Amino acid sequence: MRFSPRTVQNNILFSEGLPAGRFQIDPKYTYVGNTSFTLHNVAHVEQHHFVIANSAKQVERLLWFQFEGYSDNNKYKYSCPGMESLSVNGLDFLLDADVMNIDEDYAERPSSDSAHVIDYLNNMGYVMEGNVMFKRMVWLDPNLRNELMIIYSEDLRPTGYSIPELTNGENTTDKRIQLFRILHERALSSFRIETN
């Protein structure tokens, strides 16, 4: 079943289906807009972008909703092995977290869904670059043909850590656990879900 494109009013994202619900975004975030496209010729993507940025329009925090579904011309299914689970007001999500360099990821995957986000933000006058940490939440429909990804990311610089410090060396695990616990809390506090 096809659903109408989602709409945003007063920082509330309305979705009629896949999944149905209302997503209330923290008012500190600015809604930058939405875009839709076909990803790698196999799936339709609809993205909605909310940001907290400084006076130079450098993105400090990003909340990105991505509704995605495979096209009728294929039989692919979504799979998210090894991810933790969490139920949020009736919606079941799979979760993970990591760190990355925006510029390196863009160079390696210039046609990816995340590259589309960077391009869209750039076209809207925003800058997102450098190292970030992110939390990803994935909802899957029962047929595993549609998903909602909610991705929350923050500029890594205020933490004082570099990516190597969080991925290599002694005490890396303790640093990651502590940092990602805080990231998890901020990610969940950035929006609220109301389901029908």
N, C-alpha and C. Protein backbone atom coordinates (compact mmCIF):
# COMPACT_ATOMS: atom_id res chain seq x y z
N MET A 1 0.84 -1.19 0.00
CA MET A 1 0.00 0.00 0.00
C MET A 1 0.88 1.25 0.00
N ARG A 2 0.49 2.20 -0.82
CA ARG A 2 1.22 3.45 -0.91
C ARG A 2 0.63 4.48 0.06
N PHE A 3 1.49 5.29 0.65
CA PHE A 3 1.04 6.32 1.57
C PHE A 3 1.45 7.68 1.04
N SER A 4 0.68 8.69 1.42
CA SER A 4 1.02 10.05 1.03
C SER A 4 2.34 10.45 1.68
N PRO A 5 3.08 11.33 1.04
CA PRO A 5 4.31 11.83 1.66
C PRO A 5 4.03 12.39 3.04
N ARG A 6 4.96 12.23 3.95
CA ARG A 6 4.79 12.73 5.31
C ARG A 6 4.86 14.25 5.31
N THR A 7 4.23 14.84 6.30
CA THR A 7 4.23 16.30 6.41
C THR A 7 4.77 16.71 7.77
N VAL A 8 5.24 17.95 7.84
CA VAL A 8 5.76 18.50 9.09
C VAL A 8 5.06 19.83 9.36
N GLN A 9 4.51 19.97 10.56
CA GLN A 9 3.89 21.22 11.01
C GLN A 9 4.29 21.45 12.47
N ASN A 10 4.82 22.63 12.73
CA ASN A 10 5.20 22.99 14.11
C ASN A 10 6.11 21.95 14.75
N ASN A 11 7.06 21.46 13.96
CA ASN A 11 8.04 20.47 14.41
C ASN A 11 7.40 19.14 14.79
N ILE A 12 6.25 18.84 14.22
CA ILE A 12 5.64 17.52 14.35
C ILE A 12 5.65 16.87 12.97
N LEU A 13 6.26 15.70 12.88
CA LEU A 13 6.31 14.92 11.65
C LEU A 13 5.15 13.93 11.67
N PHE A 14 4.24 14.06 10.71
CA PHE A 14 3.07 13.20 10.62
C PHE A 14 3.29 12.11 9.57
N SER A 15 3.07 10.86 9.95
CA SER A 15 3.21 9.75 9.02
C SER A 15 1.93 8.92 9.04
N GLU A 16 1.33 8.72 7.87
CA GLU A 16 0.09 7.95 7.79
C GLU A 16 0.35 6.45 7.87
N GLY A 17 1.55 6.03 7.57
CA GLY A 17 1.83 4.60 7.62
C GLY A 17 3.29 4.28 7.37
N LEU A 18 3.62 3.04 7.71
CA LEU A 18 4.97 2.48 7.50
C LEU A 18 6.08 3.33 8.12
N PRO A 19 6.00 3.59 9.43
CA PRO A 19 4.90 3.29 10.35
C PRO A 19 3.98 4.50 10.51
N ALA A 20 2.79 4.26 11.03
CA ALA A 20 1.88 5.35 11.34
C ALA A 20 2.25 5.95 12.68
N GLY A 21 2.26 7.27 12.75
CA GLY A 21 2.56 7.92 14.02
C GLY A 21 2.83 9.39 13.86
N ARG A 22 3.01 10.05 14.99
CA ARG A 22 3.37 11.45 15.04
C ARG A 22 4.67 11.56 15.82
N PHE A 23 5.61 12.28 15.26
CA PHE A 23 6.93 12.42 15.86
C PHE A 23 7.13 13.89 16.24
N GLN A 24 7.09 14.16 17.53
CA GLN A 24 7.23 15.53 18.04
C GLN A 24 8.70 15.82 18.27
N ILE A 25 9.24 16.78 17.51
CA ILE A 25 10.66 17.09 17.57
C ILE A 25 10.89 18.22 18.58
N ASP A 26 11.96 18.10 19.34
CA ASP A 26 12.34 19.13 20.31
C ASP A 26 12.35 20.50 19.61
N PRO A 27 11.72 21.51 20.20
CA PRO A 27 11.64 22.83 19.54
C PRO A 27 12.99 23.51 19.34
N LYS A 28 14.04 23.02 19.98
CA LYS A 28 15.37 23.61 19.73
C LYS A 28 15.85 23.32 18.32
N TYR A 29 15.25 22.32 17.67
CA TYR A 29 15.66 21.94 16.31
C TYR A 29 14.90 22.75 15.27
N THR A 30 15.59 23.07 14.19
CA THR A 30 14.99 23.74 13.04
C THR A 30 14.72 22.72 11.96
N TYR A 31 13.49 22.74 11.43
CA TYR A 31 13.17 21.85 10.32
C TYR A 31 13.70 22.46 9.03
N VAL A 32 14.65 21.78 8.40
CA VAL A 32 15.28 22.28 7.18
C VAL A 32 14.48 21.90 5.95
N GLY A 33 13.76 20.78 6.01
CA GLY A 33 12.96 20.37 4.86
C GLY A 33 13.12 18.90 4.58
N ASN A 34 12.58 18.48 3.43
CA ASN A 34 12.60 17.06 3.07
C ASN A 34 13.01 16.87 1.63
N THR A 35 13.40 15.68 1.33
CA THR A 35 13.75 15.31 -0.04
C THR A 35 13.39 13.85 -0.25
N SER A 36 13.20 13.46 -1.50
CA SER A 36 12.92 12.06 -1.81
C SER A 36 13.67 11.69 -3.08
N PHE A 37 14.03 10.42 -3.17
CA PHE A 37 14.83 9.95 -4.31
C PHE A 37 14.80 8.42 -4.34
N THR A 38 15.30 7.87 -5.43
CA THR A 38 15.45 6.43 -5.56
C THR A 38 16.90 6.07 -5.22
N LEU A 39 17.07 5.15 -4.29
CA LEU A 39 18.39 4.77 -3.82
C LEU A 39 18.88 3.53 -4.55
N HIS A 40 19.97 3.68 -5.28
CA HIS A 40 20.62 2.57 -5.99
C HIS A 40 19.65 1.77 -6.87
N ASN A 41 18.61 2.45 -7.36
CA ASN A 41 17.63 1.84 -8.27
C ASN A 41 16.83 0.69 -7.66
N VAL A 42 16.81 0.57 -6.31
CA VAL A 42 16.09 -0.54 -5.70
C VAL A 42 15.11 -0.10 -4.63
N ALA A 43 15.22 1.13 -4.12
CA ALA A 43 14.36 1.54 -3.01
C ALA A 43 14.01 3.02 -3.12
N HIS A 44 12.80 3.34 -2.64
CA HIS A 44 12.38 4.73 -2.58
C HIS A 44 12.69 5.27 -1.19
N VAL A 45 13.21 6.49 -1.14
CA VAL A 45 13.62 7.10 0.12
C VAL A 45 12.94 8.46 0.27
N GLU A 46 12.44 8.72 1.47
CA GLU A 46 11.91 10.03 1.84
C GLU A 46 12.63 10.46 3.11
N GLN A 47 13.34 11.59 3.06
CA GLN A 47 14.13 12.07 4.19
C GLN A 47 13.56 13.39 4.73
N HIS A 48 13.61 13.54 6.06
CA HIS A 48 13.24 14.78 6.73
C HIS A 48 14.38 15.17 7.65
N HIS A 49 14.78 16.46 7.62
CA HIS A 49 16.00 16.91 8.28
C HIS A 49 15.72 18.00 9.30
N PHE A 50 16.17 17.76 10.54
CA PHE A 50 16.06 18.73 11.62
C PHE A 50 17.47 18.99 12.16
N VAL A 51 17.81 20.25 12.39
CA VAL A 51 19.17 20.56 12.81
C VAL A 51 19.20 21.57 13.95
N ILE A 52 20.29 21.52 14.71
CA ILE A 52 20.72 22.61 15.57
C ILE A 52 22.04 23.08 15.01
N ALA A 53 22.13 24.34 14.65
CA ALA A 53 23.32 24.87 14.00
C ALA A 53 23.75 26.16 14.68
N ASN A 54 25.03 26.51 14.50
CA ASN A 54 25.53 27.77 15.07
C ASN A 54 25.25 28.93 14.11
N SER A 55 25.74 30.10 14.45
CA SER A 55 25.44 31.30 13.65
C SER A 55 26.02 31.23 12.25
N ALA A 56 27.05 30.40 12.07
CA ALA A 56 27.64 30.22 10.74
C ALA A 56 26.97 29.09 9.97
N LYS A 57 25.84 28.56 10.53
CA LYS A 57 25.06 27.48 9.94
C LYS A 57 25.86 26.18 9.84
N GLN A 58 26.82 26.02 10.74
CA GLN A 58 27.50 24.73 10.88
C GLN A 58 26.65 23.84 11.77
N VAL A 59 26.33 22.65 11.28
CA VAL A 59 25.44 21.75 12.00
C VAL A 59 26.15 21.16 13.21
N GLU A 60 25.55 21.37 14.37
CA GLU A 60 26.09 20.80 15.61
C GLU A 60 25.38 19.51 15.99
N ARG A 61 24.08 19.46 15.70
CA ARG A 61 23.30 18.25 15.93
C ARG A 61 22.32 18.07 14.76
N LEU A 62 22.15 16.84 14.36
CA LEU A 62 21.26 16.51 13.24
C LEU A 62 20.33 15.39 13.67
N LEU A 63 19.05 15.57 13.38
CA LEU A 63 18.05 14.52 13.57
C LEU A 63 17.44 14.26 12.20
N TRP A 64 17.64 13.07 11.71
CA TRP A 64 17.31 12.73 10.32
C TRP A 64 16.37 11.52 10.32
N PHE A 65 15.17 11.72 9.76
CA PHE A 65 14.19 10.65 9.62
C PHE A 65 14.22 10.17 8.18
N GLN A 66 14.34 8.86 8.01
CA GLN A 66 14.36 8.30 6.65
C GLN A 66 13.36 7.16 6.55
N PHE A 67 12.30 7.38 5.74
CA PHE A 67 11.32 6.36 5.43
C PHE A 67 11.76 5.73 4.11
N GLU A 68 11.94 4.43 4.13
CA GLU A 68 12.51 3.77 2.96
C GLU A 68 11.77 2.46 2.68
N GLY A 69 11.55 2.16 1.41
CA GLY A 69 10.90 0.91 1.04
C GLY A 69 11.41 0.40 -0.29
N TYR A 70 11.57 -0.90 -0.37
CA TYR A 70 12.03 -1.49 -1.62
C TYR A 70 10.98 -1.36 -2.71
N SER A 71 11.45 -1.21 -3.93
CA SER A 71 10.56 -1.08 -5.09
C SER A 71 9.92 -2.43 -5.40
N ASP A 72 8.81 -2.38 -6.17
CA ASP A 72 8.09 -3.60 -6.52
C ASP A 72 8.87 -4.49 -7.49
N ASN A 73 9.92 -3.94 -8.10
CA ASN A 73 10.67 -4.70 -9.10
C ASN A 73 11.77 -5.58 -8.50
N ASN A 74 11.78 -5.75 -7.17
CA ASN A 74 12.77 -6.63 -6.56
C ASN A 74 12.16 -7.32 -5.35
N LYS A 75 12.89 -8.28 -4.79
CA LYS A 75 12.40 -9.06 -3.65
C LYS A 75 13.34 -8.94 -2.44
N TYR A 76 14.08 -7.83 -2.39
CA TYR A 76 15.00 -7.64 -1.28
C TYR A 76 14.24 -7.46 0.04
N LYS A 77 14.94 -7.80 1.13
CA LYS A 77 14.40 -7.58 2.46
C LYS A 77 15.46 -6.94 3.34
N TYR A 78 15.00 -6.11 4.29
CA TYR A 78 15.93 -5.44 5.20
C TYR A 78 16.35 -6.40 6.31
N SER A 79 17.61 -6.26 6.72
CA SER A 79 18.15 -7.08 7.78
C SER A 79 19.11 -6.25 8.62
N CYS A 80 18.99 -6.35 9.92
CA CYS A 80 19.84 -5.56 10.83
C CYS A 80 20.42 -6.48 11.91
N PRO A 81 21.29 -7.39 11.54
CA PRO A 81 21.81 -8.34 12.53
C PRO A 81 22.70 -7.68 13.57
N GLY A 82 22.64 -8.22 14.78
CA GLY A 82 23.55 -7.78 15.83
C GLY A 82 23.20 -6.47 16.49
N MET A 83 22.03 -5.91 16.21
CA MET A 83 21.64 -4.64 16.81
C MET A 83 20.81 -4.86 18.06
N GLU A 84 20.90 -3.94 19.01
CA GLU A 84 20.10 -3.99 20.22
C GLU A 84 18.66 -3.61 19.89
N SER A 85 17.73 -3.94 20.78
CA SER A 85 16.33 -3.64 20.55
C SER A 85 15.79 -2.71 21.63
N LEU A 86 14.79 -1.92 21.26
CA LEU A 86 14.16 -0.99 22.18
C LEU A 86 12.76 -0.68 21.67
N SER A 87 11.78 -0.70 22.56
CA SER A 87 10.41 -0.33 22.21
C SER A 87 10.15 1.09 22.68
N VAL A 88 9.65 1.93 21.77
CA VAL A 88 9.35 3.32 22.09
C VAL A 88 7.89 3.59 21.76
N ASN A 89 7.06 3.61 22.79
CA ASN A 89 5.63 3.91 22.66
C ASN A 89 4.96 3.11 21.55
N GLY A 90 5.19 1.81 21.56
CA GLY A 90 4.51 0.93 20.62
C GLY A 90 5.27 0.61 19.36
N LEU A 91 6.36 1.29 19.10
CA LEU A 91 7.19 0.99 17.93
C LEU A 91 8.47 0.29 18.39
N ASP A 92 8.80 -0.82 17.74
CA ASP A 92 9.99 -1.58 18.10
C ASP A 92 11.14 -1.19 17.18
N PHE A 93 12.23 -0.80 17.79
CA PHE A 93 13.41 -0.35 17.04
C PHE A 93 14.61 -1.25 17.32
N LEU A 94 15.49 -1.30 16.34
CA LEU A 94 16.82 -1.88 16.49
C LEU A 94 17.80 -0.71 16.53
N LEU A 95 18.83 -0.79 17.37
CA LEU A 95 19.70 0.35 17.61
C LEU A 95 21.17 -0.02 17.51
N ASP A 96 21.95 0.95 17.05
CA ASP A 96 23.40 0.89 17.16
C ASP A 96 23.96 2.31 17.21
N ALA A 97 25.25 2.42 17.44
CA ALA A 97 25.91 3.72 17.53
C ALA A 97 27.35 3.57 17.07
N ASP A 98 27.90 4.68 16.55
CA ASP A 98 29.29 4.62 16.09
C ASP A 98 29.80 6.05 15.90
N VAL A 99 31.05 6.14 15.48
CA VAL A 99 31.67 7.41 15.11
C VAL A 99 32.10 7.33 13.66
N MET A 100 32.18 8.49 13.00
CA MET A 100 32.60 8.50 11.60
C MET A 100 33.08 9.89 11.23
N ASN A 101 33.83 9.94 10.12
CA ASN A 101 34.24 11.20 9.54
C ASN A 101 33.34 11.47 8.33
N ILE A 102 32.62 12.58 8.38
CA ILE A 102 31.66 12.92 7.33
C ILE A 102 32.33 13.01 5.96
N ASP A 103 33.47 13.67 5.89
CA ASP A 103 34.12 13.91 4.60
C ASP A 103 34.64 12.61 3.99
N GLU A 104 35.21 11.73 4.82
CA GLU A 104 35.71 10.47 4.30
C GLU A 104 34.57 9.57 3.84
N ASP A 105 33.49 9.54 4.61
CA ASP A 105 32.34 8.72 4.23
C ASP A 105 31.73 9.22 2.92
N TYR A 106 31.64 10.54 2.76
CA TYR A 106 31.09 11.11 1.53
C TYR A 106 31.95 10.73 0.33
N ALA A 107 33.27 10.81 0.50
CA ALA A 107 34.19 10.48 -0.60
C ALA A 107 34.09 9.01 -0.98
N GLU A 108 33.87 8.14 0.00
CA GLU A 108 33.80 6.70 -0.26
C GLU A 108 32.44 6.29 -0.82
N ARG A 109 31.38 7.02 -0.44
CA ARG A 109 30.01 6.63 -0.83
C ARG A 109 29.22 7.85 -1.30
N PRO A 110 29.61 8.44 -2.42
CA PRO A 110 28.98 9.69 -2.87
C PRO A 110 27.53 9.57 -3.32
N SER A 111 27.03 8.34 -3.49
CA SER A 111 25.63 8.16 -3.89
C SER A 111 24.80 7.53 -2.77
N SER A 112 25.34 7.50 -1.56
CA SER A 112 24.64 6.88 -0.44
C SER A 112 23.52 7.77 0.08
N ASP A 113 22.70 7.22 0.96
CA ASP A 113 21.63 8.02 1.57
C ASP A 113 22.21 9.13 2.44
N SER A 114 23.31 8.85 3.15
CA SER A 114 23.93 9.89 3.98
C SER A 114 24.53 11.00 3.13
N ALA A 115 25.05 10.66 1.94
CA ALA A 115 25.57 11.69 1.03
C ALA A 115 24.43 12.59 0.55
N HIS A 116 23.25 12.03 0.35
CA HIS A 116 22.09 12.84 -0.02
C HIS A 116 21.76 13.86 1.07
N VAL A 117 21.92 13.44 2.33
CA VAL A 117 21.67 14.36 3.44
C VAL A 117 22.64 15.54 3.39
N ILE A 118 23.93 15.22 3.21
CA ILE A 118 24.95 16.27 3.16
C ILE A 118 24.68 17.22 2.00
N ASP A 119 24.35 16.66 0.84
CA ASP A 119 24.06 17.50 -0.33
C ASP A 119 22.86 18.41 -0.06
N TYR A 120 21.82 17.84 0.54
CA TYR A 120 20.62 18.63 0.81
C TYR A 120 20.92 19.77 1.77
N LEU A 121 21.62 19.45 2.85
CA LEU A 121 21.95 20.48 3.83
C LEU A 121 22.82 21.57 3.21
N ASN A 122 23.80 21.16 2.39
CA ASN A 122 24.65 22.14 1.71
C ASN A 122 23.82 23.05 0.81
N ASN A 123 22.87 22.47 0.09
CA ASN A 123 22.02 23.27 -0.80
C ASN A 123 21.14 24.25 -0.03
N MET A 124 20.89 23.93 1.23
CA MET A 124 20.08 24.80 2.08
C MET A 124 20.95 25.78 2.88
N GLY A 125 22.25 25.78 2.58
CA GLY A 125 23.15 26.74 3.21
C GLY A 125 23.81 26.27 4.49
N TYR A 126 23.62 25.00 4.85
CA TYR A 126 24.22 24.46 6.07
C TYR A 126 25.51 23.71 5.75
N VAL A 127 26.36 23.60 6.75
CA VAL A 127 27.63 22.89 6.61
C VAL A 127 27.68 21.78 7.64
N MET A 128 27.95 20.57 7.17
CA MET A 128 28.15 19.44 8.07
C MET A 128 29.41 18.73 7.62
N GLU A 129 30.41 18.69 8.50
CA GLU A 129 31.70 18.12 8.13
C GLU A 129 32.43 17.65 9.37
N GLY A 130 33.56 16.98 9.15
CA GLY A 130 34.40 16.54 10.26
C GLY A 130 33.88 15.29 10.94
N ASN A 131 34.32 15.09 12.17
CA ASN A 131 33.99 13.88 12.92
C ASN A 131 32.67 14.02 13.67
N VAL A 132 31.88 12.96 13.65
CA VAL A 132 30.61 12.94 14.36
C VAL A 132 30.46 11.60 15.07
N MET A 133 29.60 11.59 16.07
CA MET A 133 29.12 10.34 16.64
C MET A 133 27.63 10.28 16.37
N PHE A 134 27.10 9.08 16.15
CA PHE A 134 25.70 8.98 15.77
C PHE A 134 25.03 7.77 16.41
N LYS A 135 23.72 7.92 16.58
CA LYS A 135 22.85 6.86 17.07
C LYS A 135 21.85 6.55 15.97
N ARG A 136 21.72 5.27 15.63
CA ARG A 136 20.78 4.86 14.58
C ARG A 136 19.70 3.98 15.18
N MET A 137 18.44 4.32 14.88
CA MET A 137 17.29 3.54 15.31
C MET A 137 16.53 3.09 14.07
N VAL A 138 16.24 1.80 13.97
CA VAL A 138 15.62 1.24 12.77
C VAL A 138 14.35 0.49 13.13
N TRP A 139 13.24 0.92 12.53
CA TRP A 139 11.97 0.19 12.61
C TRP A 139 11.77 -0.55 11.31
N LEU A 140 11.34 -1.84 11.39
CA LEU A 140 11.09 -2.65 10.20
C LEU A 140 9.65 -3.11 10.19
N ASP A 141 9.02 -3.10 9.01
CA ASP A 141 7.67 -3.62 8.92
C ASP A 141 7.72 -5.17 8.96
N PRO A 142 6.58 -5.83 9.23
CA PRO A 142 6.59 -7.30 9.39
C PRO A 142 7.14 -8.04 8.17
N ASN A 143 6.98 -7.48 6.99
CA ASN A 143 7.46 -8.14 5.78
C ASN A 143 8.92 -7.81 5.46
N LEU A 144 9.52 -6.96 6.27
CA LEU A 144 10.93 -6.56 6.11
C LEU A 144 11.19 -5.88 4.76
N ARG A 145 10.15 -5.22 4.24
CA ARG A 145 10.28 -4.54 2.95
C ARG A 145 10.31 -3.03 3.10
N ASN A 146 9.97 -2.54 4.28
CA ASN A 146 9.97 -1.11 4.55
C ASN A 146 10.66 -0.85 5.89
N GLU A 147 11.29 0.31 6.00
CA GLU A 147 11.94 0.66 7.24
C GLU A 147 11.83 2.16 7.50
N LEU A 148 11.93 2.49 8.78
CA LEU A 148 12.13 3.87 9.20
C LEU A 148 13.45 3.91 9.93
N MET A 149 14.35 4.76 9.49
CA MET A 149 15.58 5.00 10.22
C MET A 149 15.52 6.39 10.83
N ILE A 150 15.79 6.47 12.12
CA ILE A 150 15.96 7.74 12.80
C ILE A 150 17.42 7.82 13.20
N ILE A 151 18.12 8.79 12.63
CA ILE A 151 19.55 8.91 12.89
C ILE A 151 19.82 10.25 13.56
N TYR A 152 20.40 10.17 14.74
CA TYR A 152 20.77 11.35 15.51
C TYR A 152 22.29 11.43 15.53
N SER A 153 22.85 12.59 15.16
CA SER A 153 24.31 12.72 15.17
C SER A 153 24.71 14.05 15.79
N GLU A 154 25.93 14.04 16.35
CA GLU A 154 26.49 15.22 17.00
C GLU A 154 27.92 15.42 16.53
N ASP A 155 28.32 16.66 16.47
CA ASP A 155 29.73 17.01 16.25
C ASP A 155 30.55 16.39 17.39
N LEU A 156 31.61 15.69 17.04
CA LEU A 156 32.42 15.01 18.05
C LEU A 156 33.36 15.95 18.79
N ARG A 157 33.67 17.10 18.21
CA ARG A 157 34.70 17.97 18.78
C ARG A 157 34.44 18.40 20.23
N PRO A 158 33.21 18.73 20.62
CA PRO A 158 33.01 19.15 22.01
C PRO A 158 33.35 18.08 23.05
N THR A 159 33.40 16.80 22.63
CA THR A 159 33.72 15.75 23.59
C THR A 159 35.21 15.72 23.93
N GLY A 160 36.05 16.31 23.05
CA GLY A 160 37.49 16.26 23.26
C GLY A 160 38.13 14.98 22.77
N TYR A 161 37.33 14.05 22.23
CA TYR A 161 37.85 12.79 21.73
C TYR A 161 38.02 12.83 20.21
N SER A 162 38.99 12.07 19.73
CA SER A 162 39.15 11.86 18.30
C SER A 162 38.61 10.47 17.96
N ILE A 163 38.40 10.19 16.68
CA ILE A 163 37.91 8.87 16.29
C ILE A 163 38.88 7.76 16.69
N PRO A 164 40.20 7.91 16.47
CA PRO A 164 41.11 6.84 16.92
C PRO A 164 41.04 6.56 18.41
N GLU A 165 40.82 7.59 19.21
CA GLU A 165 40.72 7.39 20.66
C GLU A 165 39.51 6.56 21.04
N LEU A 166 38.50 6.53 20.18
CA LEU A 166 37.28 5.78 20.48
C LEU A 166 37.22 4.45 19.75
N THR A 167 38.22 4.17 18.94
CA THR A 167 38.21 2.93 18.17
C THR A 167 39.46 2.09 18.37
N ASN A 168 40.50 2.65 18.98
CA ASN A 168 41.76 1.92 19.16
C ASN A 168 42.34 2.22 20.53
N GLY A 169 43.23 1.35 20.99
CA GLY A 169 44.01 1.64 22.19
C GLY A 169 43.35 1.23 23.49
N GLU A 170 44.07 1.47 24.58
CA GLU A 170 43.59 1.10 25.90
C GLU A 170 42.40 1.96 26.33
N ASN A 171 41.52 1.34 27.10
CA ASN A 171 40.35 2.01 27.66
C ASN A 171 39.34 2.49 26.61
N THR A 172 39.51 2.02 25.38
CA THR A 172 38.59 2.44 24.32
C THR A 172 37.16 2.03 24.65
N THR A 173 37.00 0.81 25.14
CA THR A 173 35.66 0.31 25.44
C THR A 173 34.97 1.16 26.50
N ASP A 174 35.67 1.50 27.57
CA ASP A 174 35.08 2.32 28.63
C ASP A 174 34.70 3.71 28.12
N LYS A 175 35.56 4.31 27.31
CA LYS A 175 35.25 5.63 26.75
C LYS A 175 34.00 5.57 25.88
N ARG A 176 33.95 4.56 25.01
CA ARG A 176 32.80 4.43 24.10
C ARG A 176 31.51 4.21 24.88
N ILE A 177 31.56 3.33 25.87
CA ILE A 177 30.36 3.03 26.64
C ILE A 177 29.82 4.29 27.31
N GLN A 178 30.70 5.03 27.94
CA GLN A 178 30.28 6.24 28.63
C GLN A 178 29.74 7.29 27.65
N LEU A 179 30.45 7.49 26.55
CA LEU A 179 30.05 8.50 25.58
C LEU A 179 28.75 8.10 24.88
N PHE A 180 28.63 6.84 24.52
CA PHE A 180 27.45 6.40 23.80
C PHE A 180 26.22 6.32 24.70
N ARG A 181 26.42 6.16 26.00
CA ARG A 181 25.29 6.22 26.92
C ARG A 181 24.69 7.62 26.92
N ILE A 182 25.54 8.62 26.95
CA ILE A 182 25.07 10.01 26.90
C ILE A 182 24.42 10.30 25.55
N LEU A 183 25.04 9.79 24.48
CA LEU A 183 24.49 9.97 23.13
C LEU A 183 23.10 9.37 23.04
N HIS A 184 22.93 8.18 23.59
CA HIS A 184 21.64 7.50 23.57
C HIS A 184 20.57 8.35 24.26
N GLU A 185 20.91 8.90 25.42
CA GLU A 185 19.95 9.71 26.17
C GLU A 185 19.57 10.97 25.41
N ARG A 186 20.55 11.61 24.79
CA ARG A 186 20.24 12.85 24.05
C ARG A 186 19.45 12.55 22.79
N ALA A 187 19.76 11.42 22.16
CA ALA A 187 19.02 11.04 20.96
C ALA A 187 17.55 10.83 21.29
N LEU A 188 17.25 10.09 22.35
CA LEU A 188 15.86 9.81 22.71
C LEU A 188 15.13 11.06 23.20
N SER A 189 15.85 12.00 23.78
CA SER A 189 15.21 13.22 24.28
C SER A 189 14.95 14.24 23.17
N SER A 190 15.47 14.00 21.97
CA SER A 190 15.32 14.95 20.88
C SER A 190 13.96 14.84 20.17
N PHE A 191 13.22 13.76 20.45
CA PHE A 191 11.91 13.59 19.82
C PHE A 191 11.02 12.72 20.72
N ARG A 192 9.71 12.79 20.45
CA ARG A 192 8.74 11.97 21.16
C ARG A 192 7.81 11.34 20.14
N ILE A 193 7.45 10.08 20.35
CA ILE A 193 6.60 9.36 19.41
C ILE A 193 5.21 9.19 19.98
N GLU A 194 4.19 9.47 19.16
CA GLU A 194 2.81 9.18 19.50
C GLU A 194 2.25 8.30 18.40
N THR A 195 1.78 7.10 18.76
CA THR A 195 1.24 6.17 17.77
C THR A 195 -0.28 6.14 17.88
N ASN A 196 -0.92 5.72 16.79
CA ASN A 196 -2.38 5.67 16.76
C ASN A 196 -2.91 4.45 17.50
